[in-house]
Amino acid sequence: MNSDESWLTFDEEAKVLHNKVRAFAGWPGTRAKLQLMNQNGEPDVLDIKVISTNVSTSCDKVGDENEILFSGNSLLVPCSGSTWLEV
């Protein structure tokens, strides 16, 4: 196991990613890159460390299939298989 394996890609199902976060807890931890649009409408890439996740198979929020949503204190990230990873 090396630190390059700790990166999350959201083209996998949320359950797989959730298990990866649990497996890499401690060292090296899990990380992800998110692309956000800045105030000028230009893309910025944000590197985040993912500490805790939950799996959600349904989301009552409506958004683009690649759109990250906010729910309370969590981010909802769309994953493969119409699943959502709550970060």
PDB file of N, CA and C in Angstrom:
ATOM      1  N   MET A   1       0.854  -1.164   0.000  1.00  0.00           N
ATOM      2  CA  MET A   1       0.000   0.000   0.000  1.00  0.00           C
ATOM      3  C   MET A   1       0.901   1.228   0.000  1.00  0.00           C
ATOM      4  N   ASN A   2       0.644   2.150  -0.955  1.00  0.00           N
ATOM      5  CA  ASN A   2       1.419   3.381  -0.977  1.00  0.00           C
ATOM      6  C   ASN A   2       0.479   4.576  -1.043  1.00  0.00           C
ATOM      7  N   SER A   3       1.029   5.759  -0.852  1.00  0.00           N
ATOM      8  CA  SER A   3       0.193   6.954  -0.757  1.00  0.00           C
ATOM      9  C   SER A   3      -0.507   7.297  -2.068  1.00  0.00           C
ATOM     10  N   ASP A   4       0.013   6.844  -3.209  1.00  0.00           N
ATOM     11  CA  ASP A   4      -0.669   7.104  -4.485  1.00  0.00           C
ATOM     12  C   ASP A   4      -2.014   6.391  -4.555  1.00  0.00           C
ATOM     13  N   GLU A   5      -2.160   5.291  -3.842  1.00  0.00           N
ATOM     14  CA  GLU A   5      -3.410   4.540  -3.824  1.00  0.00           C
ATOM     15  C   GLU A   5      -4.485   5.221  -2.979  1.00  0.00           C
ATOM     16  N   SER A   6      -4.112   6.243  -2.243  1.00  0.00           N
ATOM     17  CA  SER A   6      -5.043   6.873  -1.320  1.00  0.00           C
ATOM     18  C   SER A   6      -5.944   7.917  -1.989  1.00  0.00           C
ATOM     19  N   TRP A   7      -5.747   8.190  -3.264  1.00  0.00           N
ATOM     20  CA  TRP A   7      -6.578   9.174  -3.972  1.00  0.00           C
ATOM     21  C   TRP A   7      -7.926   8.568  -4.320  1.00  0.00           C
ATOM     22  N   LEU A   8      -9.001   9.323  -4.076  1.00  0.00           N
ATOM     23  CA  LEU A   8     -10.348   8.886  -4.438  1.00  0.00           C
ATOM     24  C   LEU A   8     -10.689   9.403  -5.828  1.00  0.00           C
ATOM     25  N   THR A   9     -11.299   8.541  -6.628  1.00  0.00           N
ATOM     26  CA  THR A   9     -11.879   8.960  -7.899  1.00  0.00           C
ATOM     27  C   THR A   9     -13.348   8.590  -7.833  1.00  0.00           C
ATOM     28  N   PHE A  10     -14.191   9.490  -8.247  1.00  0.00           N
ATOM     29  CA  PHE A  10     -15.614   9.316  -8.027  1.00  0.00           C
ATOM     30  C   PHE A  10     -16.313   8.571  -9.162  1.00  0.00           C
ATOM     31  N   ASP A  11     -15.516   7.839  -9.973  1.00  0.00           N
ATOM     32  CA  ASP A  11     -16.097   6.982 -11.002  1.00  0.00           C
ATOM     33  C   ASP A  11     -16.323   5.566 -10.474  1.00  0.00           C
ATOM     34  N   GLU A  12     -16.197   5.392  -9.169  1.00  0.00           N
ATOM     35  CA  GLU A  12     -16.504   4.129  -8.497  1.00  0.00           C
ATOM     36  C   GLU A  12     -17.751   4.346  -7.640  1.00  0.00           C
ATOM     37  N   GLU A  13     -18.373   3.241  -7.216  1.00  0.00           N
ATOM     38  CA  GLU A  13     -19.552   3.358  -6.371  1.00  0.00           C
ATOM     39  C   GLU A  13     -19.172   3.883  -4.994  1.00  0.00           C
ATOM     40  N   ALA A  14     -20.100   4.580  -4.365  1.00  0.00           N
ATOM     41  CA  ALA A  14     -19.857   5.208  -3.066  1.00  0.00           C
ATOM     42  C   ALA A  14     -19.429   4.189  -2.015  1.00  0.00           C
ATOM     43  N   LYS A  15     -19.974   2.980  -2.040  1.00  0.00           N
ATOM     44  CA  LYS A  15     -19.614   1.960  -1.044  1.00  0.00           C
ATOM     45  C   LYS A  15     -18.132   1.592  -1.156  1.00  0.00           C
ATOM     46  N   VAL A  16     -17.636   1.483  -2.371  1.00  0.00           N
ATOM     47  CA  VAL A  16     -16.213   1.166  -2.591  1.00  0.00           C
ATOM     48  C   VAL A  16     -15.346   2.294  -2.036  1.00  0.00           C
ATOM     49  N   LEU A  17     -15.740   3.528  -2.311  1.00  0.00           N
ATOM     50  CA  LEU A  17     -14.969   4.679  -1.830  1.00  0.00           C
ATOM     51  C   LEU A  17     -15.031   4.796  -0.307  1.00  0.00           C
ATOM     52  N   HIS A  18     -16.196   4.547   0.261  1.00  0.00           N
ATOM     53  CA  HIS A  18     -16.342   4.579   1.726  1.00  0.00           C
ATOM     54  C   HIS A  18     -15.416   3.555   2.373  1.00  0.00           C
ATOM     55  N   ASN A  19     -15.375   2.353   1.815  1.00  0.00           N
ATOM     56  CA  ASN A  19     -14.484   1.318   2.353  1.00  0.00           C
ATOM     57  C   ASN A  19     -13.018   1.703   2.193  1.00  0.00           C
ATOM     58  N   LYS A  20     -12.690   2.387   1.115  1.00  0.00           N
ATOM     59  CA  LYS A  20     -11.312   2.844   0.901  1.00  0.00           C
ATOM     60  C   LYS A  20     -10.925   3.872   1.958  1.00  0.00           C
ATOM     61  N   VAL A  21     -11.837   4.794   2.267  1.00  0.00           N
ATOM     62  CA  VAL A  21     -11.577   5.791   3.313  1.00  0.00           C
ATOM     63  C   VAL A  21     -11.309   5.095   4.638  1.00  0.00           C
ATOM     64  N   ARG A  22     -12.111   4.080   4.952  1.00  0.00           N
ATOM     65  CA  ARG A  22     -11.915   3.337   6.204  1.00  0.00           C
ATOM     66  C   ARG A  22     -10.587   2.573   6.200  1.00  0.00           C
ATOM     67  N   ALA A  23     -10.233   1.976   5.051  1.00  0.00           N
ATOM     68  CA  ALA A  23      -8.999   1.190   4.962  1.00  0.00           C
ATOM     69  C   ALA A  23      -7.750   2.057   5.094  1.00  0.00           C
ATOM     70  N   PHE A  24      -7.813   3.279   4.580  1.00  0.00           N
ATOM     71  CA  PHE A  24      -6.649   4.166   4.600  1.00  0.00           C
ATOM     72  C   PHE A  24      -6.658   5.124   5.782  1.00  0.00           C
ATOM     73  N   ALA A  25      -7.577   4.932   6.726  1.00  0.00           N
ATOM     74  CA  ALA A  25      -7.613   5.795   7.916  1.00  0.00           C
ATOM     75  C   ALA A  25      -6.265   5.723   8.623  1.00  0.00           C
ATOM     76  N   GLY A  26      -5.840   6.816   9.179  1.00  0.00           N
ATOM     77  CA  GLY A  26      -4.513   6.851   9.796  1.00  0.00           C
ATOM     78  C   GLY A  26      -3.504   7.236   8.735  1.00  0.00           C
ATOM     79  N   TRP A  27      -2.750   6.252   8.260  1.00  0.00           N
ATOM     80  CA  TRP A  27      -1.784   6.517   7.187  1.00  0.00           C
ATOM     81  C   TRP A  27      -2.198   5.792   5.940  1.00  0.00           C
ATOM     82  N   PRO A  28      -2.127   6.343   4.788  1.00  0.00           N
ATOM     83  CA  PRO A  28      -1.787   7.735   4.508  1.00  0.00           C
ATOM     84  C   PRO A  28      -3.008   8.654   4.524  1.00  0.00           C
ATOM     85  N   GLY A  29      -4.175   8.136   4.892  1.00  0.00           N
ATOM     86  CA  GLY A  29      -5.408   8.930   4.783  1.00  0.00           C
ATOM     87  C   GLY A  29      -5.865   8.927   3.334  1.00  0.00           C
ATOM     88  N   THR A  30      -7.016   9.473   3.065  1.00  0.00           N
ATOM     89  CA  THR A  30      -7.505   9.541   1.687  1.00  0.00           C
ATOM     90  C   THR A  30      -7.633  10.996   1.258  1.00  0.00           C
ATOM     91  N   ARG A  31      -7.416  11.196  -0.033  1.00  0.00           N
ATOM     92  CA  ARG A  31      -7.452  12.538  -0.597  1.00  0.00           C
ATOM     93  C   ARG A  31      -8.281  12.522  -1.876  1.00  0.00           C
ATOM     94  N   ALA A  32      -8.757  13.678  -2.256  1.00  0.00           N
ATOM     95  CA  ALA A  32      -9.516  13.817  -3.495  1.00  0.00           C
ATOM     96  C   ALA A  32      -9.256  15.198  -4.079  1.00  0.00           C
ATOM     97  N   LYS A  33      -9.427  15.291  -5.372  1.00  0.00           N
ATOM     98  CA  LYS A  33      -9.342  16.576  -6.062  1.00  0.00           C
ATOM     99  C   LYS A  33     -10.745  16.926  -6.527  1.00  0.00           C
ATOM    100  N   LEU A  34     -11.169  18.143  -6.198  1.00  0.00           N
ATOM    101  CA  LEU A  34     -12.464  18.644  -6.622  1.00  0.00           C
ATOM    102  C   LEU A  34     -12.249  19.885  -7.484  1.00  0.00           C
ATOM    103  N   GLN A  35     -12.989  19.967  -8.578  1.00  0.00           N
ATOM    104  CA  GLN A  35     -12.888  21.151  -9.421  1.00  0.00           C
ATOM    105  C   GLN A  35     -14.051  22.069  -9.103  1.00  0.00           C
ATOM    106  N   LEU A  36     -13.731  23.274  -8.692  1.00  0.00           N
ATOM    107  CA  LEU A  36     -14.722  24.279  -8.345  1.00  0.00           C
ATOM    108  C   LEU A  36     -14.606  25.450  -9.304  1.00  0.00           C
ATOM    109  N   MET A  37     -15.688  26.152  -9.492  1.00  0.00           N
ATOM    110  CA  MET A  37     -15.660  27.346 -10.333  1.00  0.00           C
ATOM    111  C   MET A  37     -15.462  28.566  -9.431  1.00  0.00           C
ATOM    112  N   ASN A  38     -14.482  29.397  -9.750  1.00  0.00           N
ATOM    113  CA  ASN A  38     -14.243  30.594  -8.937  1.00  0.00           C
ATOM    114  C   ASN A  38     -15.212  31.713  -9.336  1.00  0.00           C
ATOM    115  N   GLN A  39     -15.081  32.870  -8.715  1.00  0.00           N
ATOM    116  CA  GLN A  39     -15.997  33.989  -8.957  1.00  0.00           C
ATOM    117  C   GLN A  39     -15.946  34.487 -10.398  1.00  0.00           C
ATOM    118  N   ASN A  40     -14.838  34.230 -11.084  1.00  0.00           N
ATOM    119  CA  ASN A  40     -14.702  34.659 -12.476  1.00  0.00           C
ATOM    120  C   ASN A  40     -15.197  33.599 -13.455  1.00  0.00           C
ATOM    121  N   GLY A  41     -15.740  32.474 -12.917  1.00  0.00           N
ATOM    122  CA  GLY A  41     -16.227  31.399 -13.770  1.00  0.00           C
ATOM    123  C   GLY A  41     -15.134  30.499 -14.302  1.00  0.00           C
ATOM    124  N   GLU A  42     -13.941  30.611 -13.724  1.00  0.00           N
ATOM    125  CA  GLU A  42     -12.806  29.789 -14.143  1.00  0.00           C
ATOM    126  C   GLU A  42     -12.648  28.628 -13.173  1.00  0.00           C
ATOM    127  N   PRO A  43     -12.211  27.461 -13.671  1.00  0.00           N
ATOM    128  CA  PRO A  43     -12.066  26.301 -12.782  1.00  0.00           C
ATOM    129  C   PRO A  43     -10.838  26.408 -11.878  1.00  0.00           C
ATOM    130  N   ASP A  44     -11.025  26.058 -10.623  1.00  0.00           N
ATOM    131  CA  ASP A  44      -9.944  25.928  -9.652  1.00  0.00           C
ATOM    132  C   ASP A  44      -9.985  24.504  -9.121  1.00  0.00           C
ATOM    133  N   VAL A  45      -8.830  23.878  -8.956  1.00  0.00           N
ATOM    134  CA  VAL A  45      -8.768  22.533  -8.406  1.00  0.00           C
ATOM    135  C   VAL A  45      -8.418  22.626  -6.931  1.00  0.00           C
ATOM    136  N   LEU A  46      -9.213  21.960  -6.115  1.00  0.00           N
ATOM    137  CA  LEU A  46      -9.044  21.965  -4.671  1.00  0.00           C
ATOM    138  C   LEU A  46      -8.672  20.553  -4.225  1.00  0.00           C
ATOM    139  N   ASP A  47      -7.538  20.401  -3.550  1.00  0.00           N
ATOM    140  CA  ASP A  47      -7.151  19.117  -2.960  1.00  0.00           C
ATOM    141  C   ASP A  47      -7.708  19.061  -1.549  1.00  0.00           C
ATOM    142  N   ILE A  48      -8.447  17.998  -1.233  1.00  0.00           N
ATOM    143  CA  ILE A  48      -8.998  17.862   0.109  1.00  0.00           C
ATOM    144  C   ILE A  48      -8.569  16.537   0.720  1.00  0.00           C
ATOM    145  N   LYS A  49      -8.456  16.525   2.026  1.00  0.00           N
ATOM    146  CA  LYS A  49      -8.219  15.290   2.762  1.00  0.00           C
ATOM    147  C   LYS A  49      -9.579  14.824   3.270  1.00  0.00           C
ATOM    148  N   VAL A  50      -9.919  13.581   2.974  1.00  0.00           N
ATOM    149  CA  VAL A  50     -11.221  13.031   3.342  1.00  0.00           C
ATOM    150  C   VAL A  50     -11.055  12.225   4.621  1.00  0.00           C
ATOM    151  N   ILE A  51     -11.726  12.659   5.679  1.00  0.00           N
ATOM    152  CA  ILE A  51     -11.582  12.033   6.992  1.00  0.00           C
ATOM    153  C   ILE A  51     -12.702  11.045   7.267  1.00  0.00           C
ATOM    154  N   SER A  52     -13.923  11.434   6.931  1.00  0.00           N
ATOM    155  CA  SER A  52     -15.090  10.637   7.295  1.00  0.00           C
ATOM    156  C   SER A  52     -16.109  10.662   6.154  1.00  0.00           C
ATOM    157  N   THR A  53     -16.719   9.500   5.881  1.00  0.00           N
ATOM    158  CA  THR A  53     -17.719   9.410   4.820  1.00  0.00           C
ATOM    159  C   THR A  53     -18.886   8.534   5.246  1.00  0.00           C
ATOM    160  N   ASN A  54     -19.978   8.679   4.524  1.00  0.00           N
ATOM    161  CA  ASN A  54     -21.138   7.799   4.613  1.00  0.00           C
ATOM    162  C   ASN A  54     -21.620   7.552   3.199  1.00  0.00           C
ATOM    163  N   VAL A  55     -22.322   6.440   3.006  1.00  0.00           N
ATOM    164  CA  VAL A  55     -22.875   6.091   1.702  1.00  0.00           C
ATOM    165  C   VAL A  55     -24.342   6.480   1.665  1.00  0.00           C
ATOM    166  N   SER A  56     -24.753   7.092   0.571  1.00  0.00           N
ATOM    167  CA  SER A  56     -26.156   7.417   0.362  1.00  0.00           C
ATOM    168  C   SER A  56     -26.555   6.901  -1.014  1.00  0.00           C
ATOM    169  N   THR A  57     -27.578   6.043  -1.065  1.00  0.00           N
ATOM    170  CA  THR A  57     -28.018   5.510  -2.351  1.00  0.00           C
ATOM    171  C   THR A  57     -29.082   6.381  -2.992  1.00  0.00           C
ATOM    172  N   SER A  58     -29.574   7.360  -2.248  1.00  0.00           N
ATOM    173  CA  SER A  58     -30.551   8.276  -2.833  1.00  0.00           C
ATOM    174  C   SER A  58     -30.251   9.683  -2.351  1.00  0.00           C
ATOM    175  N   CYS A  59     -30.587  10.609  -3.185  1.00  0.00           N
ATOM    176  CA  CYS A  59     -30.374  12.011  -2.840  1.00  0.00           C
ATOM    177  C   CYS A  59     -31.618  12.760  -3.254  1.00  0.00           C
ATOM    178  N   ASP A  60     -32.237  13.465  -2.327  1.00  0.00           N
ATOM    179  CA  ASP A  60     -33.459  14.193  -2.639  1.00  0.00           C
ATOM    180  C   ASP A  60     -33.182  15.559  -3.264  1.00  0.00           C
ATOM    181  N   LYS A  61     -31.922  15.895  -3.397  1.00  0.00           N
ATOM    182  CA  LYS A  61     -31.539  17.159  -4.017  1.00  0.00           C
ATOM    183  C   LYS A  61     -31.447  16.951  -5.529  1.00  0.00           C
ATOM    184  N   VAL A  62     -31.751  17.981  -6.265  1.00  0.00           N
ATOM    185  CA  VAL A  62     -31.677  17.901  -7.720  1.00  0.00           C
ATOM    186  C   VAL A  62     -30.486  18.726  -8.172  1.00  0.00           C
ATOM    187  N   GLY A  63     -29.650  18.107  -8.989  1.00  0.00           N
ATOM    188  CA  GLY A  63     -28.495  18.813  -9.515  1.00  0.00           C
ATOM    189  C   GLY A  63     -27.941  18.073 -10.708  1.00  0.00           C
ATOM    190  N   ASP A  64     -26.994  18.668 -11.362  1.00  0.00           N
ATOM    191  CA  ASP A  64     -26.303  18.032 -12.465  1.00  0.00           C
ATOM    192  C   ASP A  64     -25.636  16.767 -11.949  1.00  0.00           C
ATOM    193  N   GLU A  65     -25.506  15.753 -12.795  1.00  0.00           N
ATOM    194  CA  GLU A  65     -24.929  14.480 -12.339  1.00  0.00           C
ATOM    195  C   GLU A  65     -23.481  14.595 -11.890  1.00  0.00           C
ATOM    196  N   ASN A  66     -22.808  15.665 -12.243  1.00  0.00           N
ATOM    197  CA  ASN A  66     -21.426  15.883 -11.808  1.00  0.00           C
ATOM    198  C   ASN A  66     -21.319  16.996 -10.777  1.00  0.00           C
ATOM    199  N   GLU A  67     -22.439  17.440 -10.263  1.00  0.00           N
ATOM    200  CA  GLU A  67     -22.458  18.569  -9.349  1.00  0.00           C
ATOM    201  C   GLU A  67     -22.363  18.109  -7.901  1.00  0.00           C
ATOM    202  N   ILE A  68     -21.442  18.697  -7.157  1.00  0.00           N
ATOM    203  CA  ILE A  68     -21.302  18.429  -5.732  1.00  0.00           C
ATOM    204  C   ILE A  68     -22.316  19.291  -5.002  1.00  0.00           C
ATOM    205  N   LEU A  69     -23.069  18.672  -4.107  1.00  0.00           N
ATOM    206  CA  LEU A  69     -24.126  19.377  -3.393  1.00  0.00           C
ATOM    207  C   LEU A  69     -23.764  19.515  -1.927  1.00  0.00           C
ATOM    208  N   PHE A  70     -24.395  20.454  -1.248  1.00  0.00           N
ATOM    209  CA  PHE A  70     -24.214  20.638   0.185  1.00  0.00           C
ATOM    210  C   PHE A  70     -25.448  20.140   0.906  1.00  0.00           C
ATOM    211  N   SER A  71     -25.230  19.439   2.011  1.00  0.00           N
ATOM    212  CA  SER A  71     -26.331  18.973   2.850  1.00  0.00           C
ATOM    213  C   SER A  71     -25.882  19.136   4.297  1.00  0.00           C
ATOM    214  N   GLY A  72     -26.380  20.156   4.975  1.00  0.00           N
ATOM    215  CA  GLY A  72     -25.949  20.430   6.341  1.00  0.00           C
ATOM    216  C   GLY A  72     -24.473  20.752   6.358  1.00  0.00           C
ATOM    217  N   ASN A  73     -23.708  19.984   7.119  1.00  0.00           N
ATOM    218  CA  ASN A  73     -22.253  20.182   7.210  1.00  0.00           C
ATOM    219  C   ASN A  73     -21.480  19.262   6.277  1.00  0.00           C
ATOM    220  N   SER A  74     -22.165  18.614   5.347  1.00  0.00           N
ATOM    221  CA  SER A  74     -21.530  17.622   4.479  1.00  0.00           C
ATOM    222  C   SER A  74     -21.582  18.019   3.016  1.00  0.00           C
ATOM    223  N   LEU A  75     -20.655  17.453   2.264  1.00  0.00           N
ATOM    224  CA  LEU A  75     -20.691  17.514   0.812  1.00  0.00           C
ATOM    225  C   LEU A  75     -21.301  16.215   0.320  1.00  0.00           C
ATOM    226  N   LEU A  76     -22.149  16.273  -0.676  1.00  0.00           N
ATOM    227  CA  LEU A  76     -22.670  15.083  -1.333  1.00  0.00           C
ATOM    228  C   LEU A  76     -22.035  15.018  -2.709  1.00  0.00           C
ATOM    229  N   VAL A  77     -21.234  13.965  -2.930  1.00  0.00           N
ATOM    230  CA  VAL A  77     -20.495  13.828  -4.177  1.00  0.00           C
ATOM    231  C   VAL A  77     -21.102  12.683  -4.975  1.00  0.00           C
ATOM    232  N   PRO A  78     -21.517  12.948  -6.235  1.00  0.00           N
ATOM    233  CA  PRO A  78     -22.091  11.881  -7.049  1.00  0.00           C
ATOM    234  C   PRO A  78     -21.019  10.869  -7.448  1.00  0.00           C
ATOM    235  N   CYS A  79     -21.400   9.589  -7.387  1.00  0.00           N
ATOM    236  CA  CYS A  79     -20.484   8.502  -7.718  1.00  0.00           C
ATOM    237  C   CYS A  79     -21.146   7.590  -8.744  1.00  0.00           C
ATOM    238  N   SER A  80     -20.446   6.573  -9.144  1.00  0.00           N
ATOM    239  CA  SER A  80     -20.961   5.601 -10.105  1.00  0.00           C
ATOM    240  C   SER A  80     -22.188   4.888  -9.535  1.00  0.00           C
ATOM    241  N   GLY A  81     -23.036   4.386 -10.412  1.00  0.00           N
ATOM    242  CA  GLY A  81     -24.191   3.602  -9.984  1.00  0.00           C
ATOM    243  C   GLY A  81     -25.270   4.413  -9.310  1.00  0.00           C
ATOM    244  N   SER A  82     -25.341   5.710  -9.591  1.00  0.00           N
ATOM    245  CA  SER A  82     -26.334   6.607  -8.971  1.00  0.00           C
ATOM    246  C   SER A  82     -26.245   6.627  -7.451  1.00  0.00           C
ATOM    247  N   THR A  83     -25.030   6.434  -6.917  1.00  0.00           N
ATOM    248  CA  THR A  83     -24.821   6.492  -5.483  1.00  0.00           C
ATOM    249  C   THR A  83     -24.159   7.814  -5.140  1.00  0.00           C
ATOM    250  N   TRP A  84     -24.239   8.179  -3.884  1.00  0.00           N
ATOM    251  CA  TRP A  84     -23.675   9.448  -3.393  1.00  0.00           C
ATOM    252  C   TRP A  84     -22.778   9.179  -2.210  1.00  0.00           C
ATOM    253  N   LEU A  85     -21.645   9.842  -2.174  1.00  0.00           N
ATOM    254  CA  LEU A  85     -20.734   9.752  -1.036  1.00  0.00           C
ATOM    255  C   LEU A  85     -20.870  11.036  -0.240  1.00  0.00           C
ATOM    256  N   GLU A  86     -21.244  10.889   1.024  1.00  0.00           N
ATOM    257  CA  GLU A  86     -21.351  12.023   1.927  1.00  0.00           C
ATOM    258  C   GLU A  86     -20.009  12.218   2.609  1.00  0.00           C
ATOM    259  N   VAL A  87     -19.407  13.369   2.395  1.00  0.00           N
ATOM    260  CA  VAL A  87     -18.075  13.662   2.921  1.00  0.00           C
ATOM    261  C   VAL A  87     -18.193  14.734   3.990  1.00  0.00           C
TER     262      VAL A  87
END
